């Protein structure tokens, strides 16, 4: 997976935030986060949904796996985080979205990108896919 991500990150940076392949035309962001145990900085490419103002939403789908991705745990632990969006790089605060607001935001993402509906179907009865709000500082 790290080689896969490294290629996406390289292409993202070389093309002002745009990539081809399965993510062509998709809104993509690079999220920088710090390992909660290792203290090491990681960069994870992910699709996002623009929110109001300086907020974007990211979704801890892990491709519909039964567990949350490591990056989710790192961000939820409250360590420093930042994003690369297009050619901008800025720090963000992280807040998990809950309840009806989470369902509304996830539903919007799933209607725009049907793969997200598939991920939710795969995790039904196992886990609720977390939605995180990343707000520009």
Protein backbone atom coordinates (compact mmCIF):
# COMPACT_ATOMS: atom_id res chain seq x y z
CA UNK A 1 0.00 0.00 0.00
CA UNK A 2 2.82 2.44 0.76
CA UNK A 3 4.14 2.16 -2.82
CA UNK A 4 0.60 2.78 -4.10
CA UNK A 5 0.26 5.85 -1.87
CA UNK A 6 3.75 7.09 -2.76
CA UNK A 7 2.82 7.09 -6.45
CA UNK A 8 -0.40 8.99 -5.79
CA UNK A 9 1.41 11.52 -3.59
CA UNK A 10 4.09 12.08 -6.23
CA UNK A 11 1.51 12.55 -9.00
CA UNK A 12 -0.61 14.85 -6.78
CA UNK A 13 2.38 17.11 -6.07
CA UNK A 14 3.57 17.11 -9.68
CA UNK A 15 0.12 18.13 -11.00
CA UNK A 16 -1.13 20.75 -8.52
CA UNK A 17 -3.39 18.29 -6.72
CA UNK A 18 -4.73 16.34 -9.69
CA UNK A 19 -4.16 12.65 -10.35
CA UNK A 20 -5.26 10.14 -12.97
CA UNK A 21 -6.22 6.50 -12.80
CA UNK A 22 -9.02 5.51 -10.43
CA UNK A 23 -8.94 8.97 -8.78
CA UNK A 24 -9.10 11.03 -11.97
CA UNK A 25 -11.44 13.97 -11.44
CA UNK A 26 -12.01 13.08 -7.77
CA UNK A 27 -11.43 15.67 -5.05
CA UNK A 28 -8.22 14.47 -3.44
CA UNK A 29 -6.30 15.79 -0.44
CA UNK A 30 -3.06 14.73 1.22
CA UNK A 31 -3.50 14.54 4.98
CA UNK A 32 -0.39 14.80 7.17
CA UNK A 33 -0.72 13.12 10.57
CA UNK A 34 1.56 11.88 13.32
CA UNK A 35 1.60 8.26 14.49
CA UNK A 36 0.08 8.06 17.95
CA UNK A 37 2.66 5.48 19.06
CA UNK A 38 5.60 6.00 16.70
CA UNK A 39 5.63 9.80 16.61
CA UNK A 40 6.46 9.48 12.90
CA UNK A 41 4.81 11.78 10.35
CA UNK A 42 2.67 10.11 7.69
CA UNK A 43 0.97 11.41 4.57
CA UNK A 44 -2.26 9.75 3.44
CA UNK A 45 -4.07 10.57 0.20
CA UNK A 46 -7.83 10.54 0.53
CA UNK A 47 -10.96 11.74 -1.18
CA UNK A 48 -12.74 14.58 0.54
CA UNK A 49 -16.02 16.47 0.50
CA UNK A 50 -15.88 20.26 0.68
CA UNK A 51 -17.85 21.73 3.56
CA UNK A 52 -18.83 25.26 4.45
CA UNK A 53 -16.04 27.80 4.83
CA UNK A 54 -12.67 26.32 5.70
CA UNK A 55 -13.89 22.75 6.39
CA UNK A 56 -13.37 19.60 4.40
CA UNK A 57 -14.65 16.14 5.36
CA UNK A 58 -12.72 12.89 5.07
CA UNK A 59 -14.08 9.37 5.48
CA UNK A 60 -12.39 6.46 7.26
CA UNK A 61 -13.71 3.80 4.87
CA UNK A 62 -10.62 1.60 4.56
CA UNK A 63 -12.28 0.24 1.43
CA UNK A 64 -15.18 -1.19 3.43
CA UNK A 65 -12.94 -3.15 5.80
CA UNK A 66 -14.21 -4.22 9.22
CA UNK A 67 -11.67 -1.96 10.98
CA UNK A 68 -10.79 1.72 10.83
CA UNK A 69 -7.63 2.81 9.02
CA UNK A 70 -4.55 3.72 11.06
CA UNK A 71 -4.71 7.33 9.90
CA UNK A 72 -8.13 7.65 11.54
CA UNK A 73 -6.72 6.59 14.92
CA UNK A 74 -3.81 9.02 14.51
CA UNK A 75 -6.10 11.94 13.72
CA UNK A 76 -8.61 11.01 16.44
CA UNK A 77 -5.75 10.95 18.99
CA UNK A 78 -5.46 14.70 18.55
CA UNK A 79 -1.92 15.02 17.27
CA UNK A 80 -0.90 17.74 14.85
CA UNK A 81 -2.45 17.54 11.40
CA UNK A 82 -2.23 19.44 8.14
CA UNK A 83 -3.44 19.05 4.57
CA UNK A 84 -2.16 19.62 1.08
CA UNK A 85 -5.08 20.76 -1.04
CA UNK A 86 -4.11 21.64 -4.60
CA UNK A 87 -0.97 23.71 -4.14
CA UNK A 88 -1.88 24.92 -0.62
CA UNK A 89 -0.54 23.36 2.57
CA UNK A 90 -2.08 24.36 5.90
CA UNK A 91 -2.67 23.15 9.45
CA UNK A 92 -6.08 21.85 10.50
CA UNK A 93 -8.04 20.96 13.59
CA UNK A 94 -9.79 17.60 13.58
CA UNK A 95 -13.27 16.82 14.90
CA UNK A 96 -15.31 13.66 14.45
CA UNK A 97 -18.81 14.26 13.11
CA UNK A 98 -21.56 12.31 14.88
CA UNK A 99 -25.23 11.38 14.57
CA UNK A 100 -27.55 12.88 11.99
CA UNK A 101 -24.92 15.34 10.78
CA UNK A 102 -22.52 12.45 10.11
CA UNK A 103 -25.24 10.53 8.27
CA UNK A 104 -26.13 13.56 6.14
CA UNK A 105 -22.51 14.26 5.19
CA UNK A 106 -21.75 10.61 4.47
CA UNK A 107 -24.94 10.35 2.41
CA UNK A 108 -23.87 13.32 0.30
CA UNK A 109 -20.45 11.74 -0.31
CA UNK A 110 -22.07 8.40 -1.23
CA UNK A 111 -24.44 10.08 -3.69
CA UNK A 112 -21.52 11.85 -5.39
CA UNK A 113 -19.21 8.80 -5.29
CA UNK A 114 -21.17 5.52 -5.31
CA UNK A 115 -18.17 3.51 -4.06
CA UNK A 116 -18.80 5.07 -0.66
CA UNK A 117 -22.29 3.51 -0.59
CA UNK A 118 -20.63 0.16 -1.28
CA UNK A 119 -18.20 0.68 1.62
CA UNK A 120 -21.09 1.46 3.94
CA UNK A 121 -22.95 -1.66 2.82
CA UNK A 122 -19.85 -3.79 3.53
CA UNK A 123 -19.54 -2.40 7.07
CA UNK A 124 -23.25 -2.53 7.96
CA UNK A 125 -23.69 -4.11 11.38
CA UNK A 126 -19.92 -4.12 11.96
CA UNK A 127 -18.93 -0.48 12.29
CA UNK A 128 -20.09 2.98 11.35
CA UNK A 129 -17.58 4.62 9.02
CA UNK A 130 -16.19 7.69 10.79
CA UNK A 131 -16.44 11.12 9.21
CA UNK A 132 -13.85 13.69 10.26
CA UNK A 133 -14.12 17.44 9.80
CA UNK A 134 -10.77 19.07 9.05
CA UNK A 135 -10.96 22.82 9.68
CA UNK A 136 -8.26 25.20 8.48
CA UNK A 137 -6.43 26.99 11.31
